[in-house]
Amino acid sequence: MTYSSPISRPLLLAGIFTALVGSVPGAIAQPADSFLEQRVVEALAADGVVLSRLELTLDVEQIGGKALVSLVEPATGRSVASTKVDALPADGDAAVASLALVTRGLVDQVVATRPAVDAPAPPAQPPVHAHDDADERAAREMAELRFRREAVRFGDDMIVSGHNGNVNVTRAWVAVRGESDHRLAPREFYELMGRPELAAQYQARRNQGFGLAVVGSAMIVGSMGYGIYSAASDEDCEIGDPDFGGCLDRNGERMQRGVTVAIVGGAAGILVTGVGVYRMRRAHPVSENEAKQMADRYNEELRRDLGLPTLGSTLRPRIRDVRWAPSFDVGSGGGGLALSGRF
């Protein structure tokens, strides 16, 4: 015998209807609200936005494929910002990403409208006395005065030379110190910069150039003297002398030898002297730009030692090594000015 309950048939039909609906393609269930809220809060926290620190909670309510996103104050339960998402992705991760972006925009709106009262007040500063200000100002002025007296700057030496009616002006850099423009000798400059090895190199180059210039001058004087001596030591040749021809030949050979020695020795002496002068004028072991960089570092350290703010690289000129050299032509009455610089 079979027993049938009065409610078994409807329950059976409902189960069959539910199974059929669940098997229809495209009927995909949306993620739960609590799931979305938790995942969105975690995503925001990973991005550095913690809602609890802002005293806010997230409320997501799905309505017919759409979502209402609200930020709520837990103390009052009041919604401070909300918006509606018309199309919520069916995929859970995509929905979380979309809602996190929307929620971040709401958080920015809330933070922008809040008064800036959450930041802790800065600690109270101790009262500043007028006497302390005066002492500090006097100390700073003394430090600035000392810096101006000891700082290193650069000036120019103009060397004027003329040849065949043309006047040329060449420039050489020189280091000066303080407001009095005390000229620093090259060795003094390098030692002040803390580079005694550069001072030794400069002196060695100067000595070498001076020695070459002395040797070259001696060669010029010696060769010219020998030529004069050869010309003055000719034999007196008499026409009636049987050795008259030989005498003339000996005088000619002596004169030729003297002229050759004078020309060759004088030219060699001029060359050696020129090299020596060049070495003396180019005795610096560093370039002008490198010397200025050393002076910049010296001035920065001096300001730091005196307790003054350093200038830094931002206040240094963008154009360095600005040079100008005028030239004049006495014959034509014209002239010009050459200007150059380095960025």
C-alpha atoms as a PDB file:
ATOM      1  CA  MET A   1       0.000   0.000   0.000  1.00  0.00           C
ATOM      2  CA  THR A   2       1.318   3.441  -0.956  1.00  0.00           C
ATOM      3  CA  TYR A   3       0.895   6.470   1.437  1.00  0.00           C
ATOM      4  CA  SER A   4       0.692   9.911  -0.095  1.00  0.00           C
ATOM      5  CA  SER A   5       0.881  13.101   1.981  1.00  0.00           C
ATOM      6  CA  PRO A   6      -1.317  16.024   0.919  1.00  0.00           C
ATOM      7  CA  ILE A   7       1.746  18.400   0.656  1.00  0.00           C
ATOM      8  CA  SER A   8       4.174  16.061  -0.982  1.00  0.00           C
ATOM      9  CA  ARG A   9       2.985  16.813  -4.539  1.00  0.00           C
ATOM     10  CA  PRO A  10       3.313  20.639  -4.304  1.00  0.00           C
ATOM     11  CA  LEU A  11       6.737  20.381  -2.705  1.00  0.00           C
ATOM     12  CA  LEU A  12       7.778  18.004  -5.440  1.00  0.00           C
ATOM     13  CA  LEU A  13       6.570  20.397  -8.131  1.00  0.00           C
ATOM     14  CA  ALA A  14       8.334  23.332  -6.489  1.00  0.00           C
ATOM     15  CA  GLY A  15      11.569  21.392  -6.352  1.00  0.00           C
ATOM     16  CA  ILE A  16      11.287  20.459  -9.999  1.00  0.00           C
ATOM     17  CA  PHE A  17      10.551  24.124 -10.920  1.00  0.00           C
ATOM     18  CA  THR A  18      13.546  25.358  -8.924  1.00  0.00           C
ATOM     19  CA  ALA A  19      15.868  22.853 -10.554  1.00  0.00           C
ATOM     20  CA  LEU A  20      14.652  23.862 -14.007  1.00  0.00           C
ATOM     21  CA  VAL A  21      15.168  27.557 -13.318  1.00  0.00           C
ATOM     22  CA  GLY A  22      18.666  26.936 -11.929  1.00  0.00           C
ATOM     23  CA  SER A  23      19.600  25.014 -15.074  1.00  0.00           C
ATOM     24  CA  VAL A  24      18.619  27.759 -17.514  1.00  0.00           C
ATOM     25  CA  PRO A  25      21.729  29.241 -19.224  1.00  0.00           C
ATOM     26  CA  GLY A  26      22.467  32.861 -18.312  1.00  0.00           C
ATOM     27  CA  ALA A  27      20.718  32.738 -14.922  1.00  0.00           C
ATOM     28  CA  ILE A  28      23.851  33.573 -12.911  1.00  0.00           C
ATOM     29  CA  ALA A  29      23.433  34.617  -9.285  1.00  0.00           C
ATOM     30  CA  GLN A  30      24.877  37.951  -8.193  1.00  0.00           C
ATOM     31  CA  PRO A  31      27.408  38.027  -5.309  1.00  0.00           C
ATOM     32  CA  ALA A  32      25.939  38.660  -1.898  1.00  0.00           C
ATOM     33  CA  ASP A  33      25.976  42.191  -0.472  1.00  0.00           C
ATOM     34  CA  SER A  34      28.039  41.221   2.574  1.00  0.00           C
ATOM     35  CA  PHE A  35      30.578  39.487   0.324  1.00  0.00           C
ATOM     36  CA  LEU A  36      30.952  42.589  -1.820  1.00  0.00           C
ATOM     37  CA  GLU A  37      31.230  44.897   1.203  1.00  0.00           C
ATOM     38  CA  GLN A  38      34.003  42.815   2.781  1.00  0.00           C
ATOM     39  CA  ARG A  39      35.969  42.443  -0.450  1.00  0.00           C
ATOM     40  CA  VAL A  40      35.689  46.159  -1.341  1.00  0.00           C
ATOM     41  CA  VAL A  41      36.843  47.196   2.149  1.00  0.00           C
ATOM     42  CA  GLU A  42      39.849  44.857   1.852  1.00  0.00           C
ATOM     43  CA  ALA A  43      40.688  46.222  -1.602  1.00  0.00           C
ATOM     44  CA  LEU A  44      40.570  49.804  -0.342  1.00  0.00           C
ATOM     45  CA  ALA A  45      42.751  48.944   2.659  1.00  0.00           C
ATOM     46  CA  ALA A  46      45.331  47.379   0.350  1.00  0.00           C
ATOM     47  CA  ASP A  47      45.338  50.691  -1.538  1.00  0.00           C
ATOM     48  CA  GLY A  48      45.935  52.663   1.669  1.00  0.00           C
ATOM     49  CA  VAL A  49      42.336  53.765   2.309  1.00  0.00           C
ATOM     50  CA  VAL A  50      41.096  52.406   5.653  1.00  0.00           C
ATOM     51  CA  LEU A  51      37.419  53.256   6.181  1.00  0.00           C
ATOM     52  CA  SER A  52      37.541  52.585   9.931  1.00  0.00           C
ATOM     53  CA  ARG A  53      40.150  55.292  10.378  1.00  0.00           C
ATOM     54  CA  LEU A  54      37.807  57.712   8.644  1.00  0.00           C
ATOM     55  CA  GLU A  55      34.943  56.559  10.901  1.00  0.00           C
ATOM     56  CA  LEU A  56      32.993  55.218   7.930  1.00  0.00           C
ATOM     57  CA  THR A  57      31.420  51.909   6.936  1.00  0.00           C
ATOM     58  CA  LEU A  58      30.419  50.632   3.519  1.00  0.00           C
ATOM     59  CA  ASP A  59      26.875  49.627   2.648  1.00  0.00           C
ATOM     60  CA  VAL A  60      26.168  47.880  -0.680  1.00  0.00           C
ATOM     61  CA  GLU A  61      22.591  47.111  -1.665  1.00  0.00           C
ATOM     62  CA  GLN A  62      21.829  45.263  -4.920  1.00  0.00           C
ATOM     63  CA  ILE A  63      18.503  46.049  -6.566  1.00  0.00           C
ATOM     64  CA  GLY A  64      17.599  44.321  -9.808  1.00  0.00           C
ATOM     65  CA  GLY A  65      21.108  44.109 -11.291  1.00  0.00           C
ATOM     66  CA  LYS A  66      21.998  47.564 -10.021  1.00  0.00           C
ATOM     67  CA  ALA A  67      23.808  48.515  -6.840  1.00  0.00           C
ATOM     68  CA  LEU A  68      23.436  51.366  -4.384  1.00  0.00           C
ATOM     69  CA  VAL A  69      26.776  52.182  -2.737  1.00  0.00           C
ATOM     70  CA  SER A  70      26.723  54.282   0.440  1.00  0.00           C
ATOM     71  CA  LEU A  71      29.213  55.470   3.042  1.00  0.00           C
ATOM     72  CA  VAL A  72      27.647  55.478   6.484  1.00  0.00           C
ATOM     73  CA  GLU A  73      28.739  56.980   9.798  1.00  0.00           C
ATOM     74  CA  PRO A  74      28.500  54.097  12.273  1.00  0.00           C
ATOM     75  CA  ALA A  75      27.845  56.410  15.221  1.00  0.00           C
ATOM     76  CA  THR A  76      24.746  57.986  13.725  1.00  0.00           C
ATOM     77  CA  GLY A  77      23.825  55.564  10.949  1.00  0.00           C
ATOM     78  CA  ARG A  78      23.598  58.534   8.595  1.00  0.00           C
ATOM     79  CA  SER A  79      24.639  58.123   4.967  1.00  0.00           C
ATOM     80  CA  VAL A  80      27.201  60.812   4.171  1.00  0.00           C
ATOM     81  CA  ALA A  81      27.699  59.916   0.498  1.00  0.00           C
ATOM     82  CA  SER A  82      26.052  57.522  -1.926  1.00  0.00           C
ATOM     83  CA  THR A  83      25.808  56.721  -5.611  1.00  0.00           C
ATOM     84  CA  LYS A  84      24.136  54.190  -7.874  1.00  0.00           C
ATOM     85  CA  VAL A  85      25.894  51.725 -10.158  1.00  0.00           C
ATOM     86  CA  ASP A  86      23.617  50.975 -13.099  1.00  0.00           C
ATOM     87  CA  ALA A  87      25.386  47.862 -14.397  1.00  0.00           C
ATOM     88  CA  LEU A  88      27.170  45.644 -11.903  1.00  0.00           C
ATOM     89  CA  PRO A  89      29.377  42.929 -13.444  1.00  0.00           C
ATOM     90  CA  ALA A  90      28.255  39.380 -12.780  1.00  0.00           C
ATOM     91  CA  ASP A  91      31.798  38.212 -12.073  1.00  0.00           C
ATOM     92  CA  GLY A  92      32.702  38.640  -8.412  1.00  0.00           C
ATOM     93  CA  ASP A  93      36.224  40.007  -8.926  1.00  0.00           C
ATOM     94  CA  ALA A  94      35.064  42.429 -11.599  1.00  0.00           C
ATOM     95  CA  ALA A  95      32.231  43.598  -9.351  1.00  0.00           C
ATOM     96  CA  VAL A  96      34.655  44.175  -6.453  1.00  0.00           C
ATOM     97  CA  ALA A  97      37.001  46.179  -8.676  1.00  0.00           C
ATOM     98  CA  SER A  98      34.153  48.312 -10.021  1.00  0.00           C
ATOM     99  CA  LEU A  99      32.704  48.988  -6.566  1.00  0.00           C
ATOM    100  CA  ALA A 100      36.156  49.756  -5.108  1.00  0.00           C
ATOM    101  CA  LEU A 101      36.690  52.443  -7.736  1.00  0.00           C
ATOM    102  CA  VAL A 102      33.257  53.963  -7.054  1.00  0.00           C
ATOM    103  CA  THR A 103      33.813  53.830  -3.275  1.00  0.00           C
ATOM    104  CA  ARG A 104      37.187  55.509  -3.598  1.00  0.00           C
ATOM    105  CA  GLY A 105      35.502  58.419  -5.361  1.00  0.00           C
ATOM    106  CA  LEU A 106      32.955  58.693  -2.540  1.00  0.00           C
ATOM    107  CA  VAL A 107      35.752  58.672   0.063  1.00  0.00           C
ATOM    108  CA  ASP A 108      37.503  61.521  -1.761  1.00  0.00           C
ATOM    109  CA  GLN A 109      34.265  63.525  -1.722  1.00  0.00           C
ATOM    110  CA  VAL A 110      33.770  62.987   2.016  1.00  0.00           C
ATOM    111  CA  VAL A 111      37.362  63.852   2.888  1.00  0.00           C
ATOM    112  CA  ALA A 112      37.202  67.004   0.737  1.00  0.00           C
ATOM    113  CA  THR A 113      34.073  68.260   2.503  1.00  0.00           C
ATOM    114  CA  ARG A 114      35.309  67.585   6.027  1.00  0.00           C
ATOM    115  CA  PRO A 115      36.917  70.466   7.910  1.00  0.00           C
ATOM    116  CA  ALA A 116      40.614  70.023   8.616  1.00  0.00           C
ATOM    117  CA  VAL A 117      40.199  69.452  12.324  1.00  0.00           C
ATOM    118  CA  ASP A 118      41.301  65.844  12.545  1.00  0.00           C
ATOM    119  CA  ALA A 119      45.004  66.685  12.396  1.00  0.00           C
ATOM    120  CA  PRO A 120      46.591  67.033  15.818  1.00  0.00           C
ATOM    121  CA  ALA A 121      47.512  70.525  16.794  1.00  0.00           C
ATOM    122  CA  PRO A 122      51.228  71.271  16.598  1.00  0.00           C
ATOM    123  CA  PRO A 123      53.020  71.427  19.926  1.00  0.00           C
ATOM    124  CA  ALA A 124      53.165  74.830  21.464  1.00  0.00           C
ATOM    125  CA  GLN A 125      56.408  76.613  20.788  1.00  0.00           C
ATOM    126  CA  PRO A 126      58.256  78.124  23.708  1.00  0.00           C
ATOM    127  CA  PRO A 127      57.924  81.878  23.935  1.00  0.00           C
ATOM    128  CA  VAL A 128      60.555  83.753  21.980  1.00  0.00           C
ATOM    129  CA  HIS A 129      62.135  86.612  23.805  1.00  0.00           C
ATOM    130  CA  ALA A 130      63.208  89.752  22.039  1.00  0.00           C
ATOM    131  CA  HIS A 131      66.632  89.495  23.649  1.00  0.00           C
ATOM    132  CA  ASP A 132      67.169  86.046  22.138  1.00  0.00           C
ATOM    133  CA  ASP A 133      66.144  87.326  18.708  1.00  0.00           C
ATOM    134  CA  ALA A 134      68.618  90.187  18.945  1.00  0.00           C
ATOM    135  CA  ASP A 135      71.454  87.863  19.961  1.00  0.00           C
ATOM    136  CA  GLU A 136      70.655  85.436  17.177  1.00  0.00           C
ATOM    137  CA  ARG A 137      70.454  88.215  14.608  1.00  0.00           C
ATOM    138  CA  ALA A 138      73.771  89.663  15.770  1.00  0.00           C
ATOM    139  CA  ALA A 139      75.438  86.247  15.596  1.00  0.00           C
ATOM    140  CA  ARG A 140      74.079  85.683  12.094  1.00  0.00           C
ATOM    141  CA  GLU A 141      75.302  89.100  10.949  1.00  0.00           C
ATOM    142  CA  MET A 142      78.756  88.389  12.355  1.00  0.00           C
ATOM    143  CA  ALA A 143      78.806  85.034  10.557  1.00  0.00           C
ATOM    144  CA  GLU A 144      77.767  86.680   7.285  1.00  0.00           C
ATOM    145  CA  LEU A 145      80.470  89.326   7.730  1.00  0.00           C
ATOM    146  CA  ARG A 146      83.099  86.667   8.316  1.00  0.00           C
ATOM    147  CA  PHE A 147      81.900  84.724   5.294  1.00  0.00           C
ATOM    148  CA  ARG A 148      82.187  87.802   3.084  1.00  0.00           C
ATOM    149  CA  ARG A 149      85.739  88.330   4.348  1.00  0.00           C
ATOM    150  CA  GLU A 150      86.830  84.725   3.761  1.00  0.00           C
ATOM    151  CA  ALA A 151      84.832  83.657   0.693  1.00  0.00           C
ATOM    152  CA  VAL A 152      86.713  83.014  -2.533  1.00  0.00           C
ATOM    153  CA  ARG A 153      85.698  84.613  -5.805  1.00  0.00           C
ATOM    154  CA  PHE A 154      87.237  84.914  -9.245  1.00  0.00           C
ATOM    155  CA  GLY A 155      88.393  87.906 -11.250  1.00  0.00           C
ATOM    156  CA  ASP A 156      90.051  88.545 -14.578  1.00  0.00           C
ATOM    157  CA  ASP A 157      93.503  89.713 -15.601  1.00  0.00           C
ATOM    158  CA  MET A 158      93.585  91.440 -18.974  1.00  0.00           C
ATOM    159  CA  ILE A 159      96.862  91.146 -20.858  1.00  0.00           C
ATOM    160  CA  VAL A 160      97.264  93.698 -23.682  1.00  0.00           C
ATOM    161  CA  SER A 161      99.742  93.048 -26.483  1.00  0.00           C
ATOM    162  CA  GLY A 162     100.355  94.752 -29.827  1.00  0.00           C
ATOM    163  CA  HIS A 163     101.997  93.766 -33.087  1.00  0.00           C
ATOM    164  CA  ASN A 164     102.092  95.574 -36.447  1.00  0.00           C
ATOM    165  CA  GLY A 165      99.438  98.050 -35.381  1.00  0.00           C
ATOM    166  CA  ASN A 166      97.072  95.381 -34.004  1.00  0.00           C
ATOM    167  CA  VAL A 167      96.202  95.338 -30.307  1.00  0.00           C
ATOM    168  CA  ASN A 168      95.123  92.041 -28.752  1.00  0.00           C
ATOM    169  CA  VAL A 169      93.654  91.581 -25.302  1.00  0.00           C
ATOM    170  CA  THR A 170      93.851  88.166 -23.654  1.00  0.00           C
ATOM    171  CA  ARG A 171      92.235  87.124 -20.379  1.00  0.00           C
ATOM    172  CA  ALA A 172      93.557  85.090 -17.455  1.00  0.00           C
ATOM    173  CA  TRP A 173      91.562  84.066 -14.388  1.00  0.00           C
ATOM    174  CA  VAL A 174      92.697  84.929 -10.888  1.00  0.00           C
ATOM    175  CA  ALA A 175      91.273  83.959  -7.485  1.00  0.00           C
ATOM    176  CA  VAL A 176      90.513  86.686  -4.938  1.00  0.00           C
ATOM    177  CA  ARG A 177      89.400  86.404  -1.335  1.00  0.00           C
ATOM    178  CA  GLY A 178      87.048  88.541   0.700  1.00  0.00           C
ATOM    179  CA  GLU A 179      85.535  91.956   0.177  1.00  0.00           C
ATOM    180  CA  SER A 180      89.006  93.489  -0.031  1.00  0.00           C
ATOM    181  CA  ASP A 181      89.688  91.429  -3.187  1.00  0.00           C
ATOM    182  CA  HIS A 182      92.908  90.020  -1.804  1.00  0.00           C
ATOM    183  CA  ARG A 183      94.639  88.372  -4.733  1.00  0.00           C
ATOM    184  CA  LEU A 184      95.530  84.773  -4.017  1.00  0.00           C
ATOM    185  CA  ALA A 185      98.720  83.421  -5.503  1.00  0.00           C
ATOM    186  CA  PRO A 186      98.113  80.098  -7.277  1.00  0.00           C
ATOM    187  CA  ARG A 187      99.959  78.102  -4.604  1.00  0.00           C
ATOM    188  CA  GLU A 188      98.077  79.958  -1.870  1.00  0.00           C
ATOM    189  CA  PHE A 189      94.772  79.216  -3.605  1.00  0.00           C
ATOM    190  CA  TYR A 190      95.406  75.474  -3.891  1.00  0.00           C
ATOM    191  CA  GLU A 191      96.590  75.221  -0.292  1.00  0.00           C
ATOM    192  CA  LEU A 192      93.494  77.121   0.874  1.00  0.00           C
ATOM    193  CA  MET A 193      91.358  74.643  -1.049  1.00  0.00           C
ATOM    194  CA  GLY A 194      93.076  71.812   0.842  1.00  0.00           C
ATOM    195  CA  ARG A 195      94.927  70.551  -2.245  1.00  0.00           C
ATOM    196  CA  PRO A 196      98.660  70.831  -1.491  1.00  0.00           C
ATOM    197  CA  GLU A 197      99.492  68.331  -4.236  1.00  0.00           C
ATOM    198  CA  LEU A 198      98.067  70.744  -6.827  1.00  0.00           C
ATOM    199  CA  ALA A 199     100.172  73.535  -5.346  1.00  0.00           C
ATOM    200  CA  ALA A 200     103.264  71.348  -5.750  1.00  0.00           C
ATOM    201  CA  GLN A 201     102.337  70.530  -9.370  1.00  0.00           C
ATOM    202  CA  TYR A 202     101.837  74.213 -10.148  1.00  0.00           C
ATOM    203  CA  GLN A 203     105.225  75.140  -8.688  1.00  0.00           C
ATOM    204  CA  ALA A 204     106.935  72.304 -10.570  1.00  0.00           C
ATOM    205  CA  ARG A 205     105.452  73.480 -13.869  1.00  0.00           C
ATOM    206  CA  ARG A 206     106.480  77.049 -13.153  1.00  0.00           C
ATOM    207  CA  ASN A 207     110.037  75.961 -12.352  1.00  0.00           C
ATOM    208  CA  GLN A 208     110.195  73.844 -15.480  1.00  0.00           C
ATOM    209  CA  GLY A 209     108.953  76.694 -17.653  1.00  0.00           C
ATOM    210  CA  PHE A 210     111.349  79.152 -16.061  1.00  0.00           C
ATOM    211  CA  GLY A 211     114.264  76.774 -16.599  1.00  0.00           C
ATOM    212  CA  LEU A 212     113.374  76.309 -20.269  1.00  0.00           C
ATOM    213  CA  ALA A 213     113.058  80.054 -20.744  1.00  0.00           C
ATOM    214  CA  VAL A 214     116.517  80.610 -19.201  1.00  0.00           C
ATOM    215  CA  VAL A 215     118.085  77.883 -21.338  1.00  0.00           C
ATOM    216  CA  GLY A 216     116.440  79.221 -24.493  1.00  0.00           C
ATOM    217  CA  SER A 217     117.578  82.755 -23.742  1.00  0.00           C
ATOM    218  CA  ALA A 218     121.110  81.493 -23.155  1.00  0.00           C
ATOM    219  CA  MET A 219     121.011  79.688 -26.508  1.00  0.00           C
ATOM    220  CA  ILE A 220     119.907  82.850 -28.271  1.00  0.00           C
ATOM    221  CA  VAL A 221     122.571  84.963 -26.637  1.00  0.00           C
ATOM    222  CA  GLY A 222     125.289  82.339 -27.144  1.00  0.00           C
ATOM    223  CA  SER A 223     124.505  81.734 -30.817  1.00  0.00           C
ATOM    224  CA  MET A 224     124.313  85.442 -31.592  1.00  0.00           C
ATOM    225  CA  GLY A 225     127.548  86.039 -29.675  1.00  0.00           C
ATOM    226  CA  TYR A 226     129.307  83.308 -31.592  1.00  0.00           C
ATOM    227  CA  GLY A 227     128.147  84.813 -34.879  1.00  0.00           C
ATOM    228  CA  ILE A 228     129.454  88.228 -33.876  1.00  0.00           C
ATOM    229  CA  TYR A 229     132.728  86.722 -32.714  1.00  0.00           C
ATOM    230  CA  SER A 230     133.141  84.859 -35.994  1.00  0.00           C
ATOM    231  CA  ALA A 231     132.585  88.031 -37.985  1.00  0.00           C
ATOM    232  CA  ALA A 232     135.022  90.027 -35.827  1.00  0.00           C
ATOM    233  CA  SER A 233     137.794  87.438 -35.912  1.00  0.00           C
ATOM    234  CA  ASP A 234     138.492  87.561 -39.659  1.00  0.00           C
ATOM    235  CA  GLU A 235     142.097  87.478 -40.728  1.00  0.00           C
ATOM    236  CA  ASP A 236     143.611  90.520 -42.469  1.00  0.00           C
ATOM    237  CA  CYS A 237     144.276  89.323 -45.986  1.00  0.00           C
ATOM    238  CA  GLU A 238     146.806  91.311 -48.033  1.00  0.00           C
ATOM    239  CA  ILE A 239     146.685  91.237 -51.770  1.00  0.00           C
ATOM    240  CA  GLY A 240     150.384  90.703 -52.217  1.00  0.00           C
ATOM    241  CA  ASP A 241     150.460  87.845 -49.754  1.00  0.00           C
ATOM    242  CA  PRO A 242     151.081  84.462 -51.427  1.00  0.00           C
ATOM    243  CA  ASP A 243     148.369  82.979 -49.099  1.00  0.00           C
ATOM    244  CA  PHE A 244     145.833  85.632 -50.043  1.00  0.00           C
ATOM    245  CA  GLY A 245     143.371  83.108 -51.523  1.00  0.00           C
ATOM    246  CA  GLY A 246     143.646  80.765 -48.572  1.00  0.00           C
ATOM    247  CA  CYS A 247     143.070  83.663 -46.212  1.00  0.00           C
ATOM    248  CA  LEU A 248     139.881  84.618 -47.977  1.00  0.00           C
ATOM    249  CA  ASP A 249     138.692  81.011 -47.899  1.00  0.00           C
ATOM    250  CA  ARG A 250     139.315  80.721 -44.174  1.00  0.00           C
ATOM    251  CA  ASN A 251     137.471  83.971 -43.484  1.00  0.00           C
ATOM    252  CA  GLY A 252     134.551  82.796 -45.627  1.00  0.00           C
ATOM    253  CA  GLU A 253     134.328  79.448 -43.833  1.00  0.00           C
ATOM    254  CA  ARG A 254     134.505  81.185 -40.452  1.00  0.00           C
ATOM    255  CA  MET A 255     131.762  83.624 -41.424  1.00  0.00           C
ATOM    256  CA  GLN A 256     129.546  80.872 -42.809  1.00  0.00           C
ATOM    257  CA  ARG A 257     129.977  78.818 -39.672  1.00  0.00           C
ATOM    258  CA  GLY A 258     129.179  81.801 -37.476  1.00  0.00           C
ATOM    259  CA  VAL A 259     126.044  82.661 -39.452  1.00  0.00           C
ATOM    260  CA  THR A 260     124.866  79.043 -39.376  1.00  0.00           C
ATOM    261  CA  VAL A 261     125.378  78.756 -35.642  1.00  0.00           C
ATOM    262  CA  ALA A 262     123.643  82.102 -35.066  1.00  0.00           C
ATOM    263  CA  ILE A 263     120.605  81.153 -37.174  1.00  0.00           C
ATOM    264  CA  VAL A 264     120.198  77.576 -35.974  1.00  0.00           C
ATOM    265  CA  GLY A 265     121.040  78.323 -32.355  1.00  0.00           C
ATOM    266  CA  GLY A 266     118.876  81.434 -32.286  1.00  0.00           C
ATOM    267  CA  ALA A 267     115.898  79.584 -33.770  1.00  0.00           C
ATOM    268  CA  ALA A 268     116.317  76.730 -31.310  1.00  0.00           C
ATOM    269  CA  GLY A 269     116.678  79.194 -28.457  1.00  0.00           C
ATOM    270  CA  ILE A 270     113.505  81.021 -29.496  1.00  0.00           C
ATOM    271  CA  LEU A 271     111.625  77.714 -29.638  1.00  0.00           C
ATOM    272  CA  VAL A 272     112.840  76.605 -26.203  1.00  0.00           C
ATOM    273  CA  THR A 273     112.080  80.018 -24.732  1.00  0.00           C
ATOM    274  CA  GLY A 274     108.569  79.937 -26.200  1.00  0.00           C
ATOM    275  CA  VAL A 275     107.923  76.523 -24.678  1.00  0.00           C
ATOM    276  CA  GLY A 276     109.169  77.771 -21.326  1.00  0.00           C
ATOM    277  CA  VAL A 277     106.940  80.855 -21.405  1.00  0.00           C
ATOM    278  CA  TYR A 278     103.980  78.710 -22.408  1.00  0.00           C
ATOM    279  CA  ARG A 279     104.624  76.348 -19.504  1.00  0.00           C
ATOM    280  CA  MET A 280     104.802  79.261 -17.079  1.00  0.00           C
ATOM    281  CA  ARG A 281     101.559  80.778 -18.357  1.00  0.00           C
ATOM    282  CA  ARG A 282      99.820  77.379 -18.389  1.00  0.00           C
ATOM    283  CA  ALA A 283     101.168  76.152 -15.083  1.00  0.00           C
ATOM    284  CA  HIS A 284      97.761  75.508 -13.487  1.00  0.00           C
ATOM    285  CA  PRO A 285      97.169  71.749 -13.173  1.00  0.00           C
ATOM    286  CA  VAL A 286      93.365  72.220 -13.360  1.00  0.00           C
ATOM    287  CA  SER A 287      91.043  74.124 -15.662  1.00  0.00           C
ATOM    288  CA  GLU A 288      89.250  77.308 -14.688  1.00  0.00           C
ATOM    289  CA  ASN A 289      85.955  75.477 -14.335  1.00  0.00           C
ATOM    290  CA  GLU A 290      87.506  72.893 -12.001  1.00  0.00           C
ATOM    291  CA  ALA A 291      89.047  75.668  -9.907  1.00  0.00           C
ATOM    292  CA  LYS A 292      85.640  77.360  -9.613  1.00  0.00           C
ATOM    293  CA  GLN A 293      84.067  74.087  -8.523  1.00  0.00           C
ATOM    294  CA  MET A 294      86.683  73.769  -5.773  1.00  0.00           C
ATOM    295  CA  ALA A 295      85.923  77.345  -4.697  1.00  0.00           C
ATOM    296  CA  ASP A 296      82.180  76.565  -4.623  1.00  0.00           C
ATOM    297  CA  ARG A 297      82.779  73.600  -2.338  1.00  0.00           C
ATOM    298  CA  TYR A 298      85.071  75.701  -0.125  1.00  0.00           C
ATOM    299  CA  ASN A 299      82.429  78.435   0.203  1.00  0.00           C
ATOM    300  CA  GLU A 300      79.711  75.874   0.960  1.00  0.00           C
ATOM    301  CA  GLU A 301      81.802  74.291   3.714  1.00  0.00           C
ATOM    302  CA  LEU A 302      82.637  77.746   5.078  1.00  0.00           C
ATOM    303  CA  ARG A 303      78.949  78.667   5.331  1.00  0.00           C
ATOM    304  CA  ARG A 304      78.220  75.319   6.972  1.00  0.00           C
ATOM    305  CA  ASP A 305      81.012  75.824   9.517  1.00  0.00           C
ATOM    306  CA  LEU A 306      79.687  79.296  10.316  1.00  0.00           C
ATOM    307  CA  GLY A 307      76.160  77.956  10.837  1.00  0.00           C
ATOM    308  CA  LEU A 308      74.764  79.749   7.778  1.00  0.00           C
ATOM    309  CA  PRO A 309      72.311  78.234   5.305  1.00  0.00           C
ATOM    310  CA  THR A 310      74.066  76.792   2.291  1.00  0.00           C
ATOM    311  CA  LEU A 311      73.204  78.112  -1.122  1.00  0.00           C
ATOM    312  CA  GLY A 312      73.043  74.716  -2.829  1.00  0.00           C
ATOM    313  CA  SER A 313      73.209  74.077  -6.542  1.00  0.00           C
ATOM    314  CA  THR A 314      69.822  75.679  -7.283  1.00  0.00           C
ATOM    315  CA  LEU A 315      71.122  79.201  -6.681  1.00  0.00           C
ATOM    316  CA  ARG A 316      74.273  78.843  -8.713  1.00  0.00           C
ATOM    317  CA  PRO A 317      74.298  80.502 -12.123  1.00  0.00           C
ATOM    318  CA  ARG A 318      73.202  78.339 -15.008  1.00  0.00           C
ATOM    319  CA  ILE A 319      75.790  79.962 -17.308  1.00  0.00           C
ATOM    320  CA  ARG A 320      79.368  79.560 -16.143  1.00  0.00           C
ATOM    321  CA  ASP A 321      82.771  80.577 -17.461  1.00  0.00           C
ATOM    322  CA  VAL A 322      81.512  83.728 -19.118  1.00  0.00           C
ATOM    323  CA  ARG A 323      84.443  85.261 -20.982  1.00  0.00           C
ATOM    324  CA  TRP A 324      84.873  88.373 -23.027  1.00  0.00           C
ATOM    325  CA  ALA A 325      87.887  89.576 -24.957  1.00  0.00           C
ATOM    326  CA  PRO A 326      87.965  92.945 -26.782  1.00  0.00           C
ATOM    327  CA  SER A 327      90.228  93.500 -29.776  1.00  0.00           C
ATOM    328  CA  PHE A 328      91.328  96.725 -31.445  1.00  0.00           C
ATOM    329  CA  ASP A 329      92.803  97.491 -34.830  1.00  0.00           C
ATOM    330  CA  VAL A 330      94.771 100.719 -34.643  1.00  0.00           C
ATOM    331  CA  GLY A 331      95.328 100.826 -38.379  1.00  0.00           C
ATOM    332  CA  SER A 332      91.655 100.652 -39.378  1.00  0.00           C
ATOM    333  CA  GLY A 333      90.299 102.236 -36.230  1.00  0.00           C
ATOM    334  CA  GLY A 334      87.913  99.315 -35.680  1.00  0.00           C
ATOM    335  CA  GLY A 335      87.478  96.773 -32.949  1.00  0.00           C
ATOM    336  CA  GLY A 336      85.254  94.050 -31.608  1.00  0.00           C
ATOM    337  CA  LEU A 337      84.155  92.113 -28.555  1.00  0.00           C
ATOM    338  CA  ALA A 338      84.062  88.303 -28.309  1.00  0.00           C
ATOM    339  CA  LEU A 339      81.698  86.866 -25.676  1.00  0.00           C
ATOM    340  CA  SER A 340      81.544  83.182 -24.744  1.00  0.00           C
ATOM    341  CA  GLY A 341      80.015  81.111 -21.960  1.00  0.00           C
ATOM    342  CA  ARG A 342      79.262  77.541 -20.906  1.00  0.00           C
ATOM    343  CA  PHE A 343      75.872  76.180 -19.803  1.00  0.00           C
END
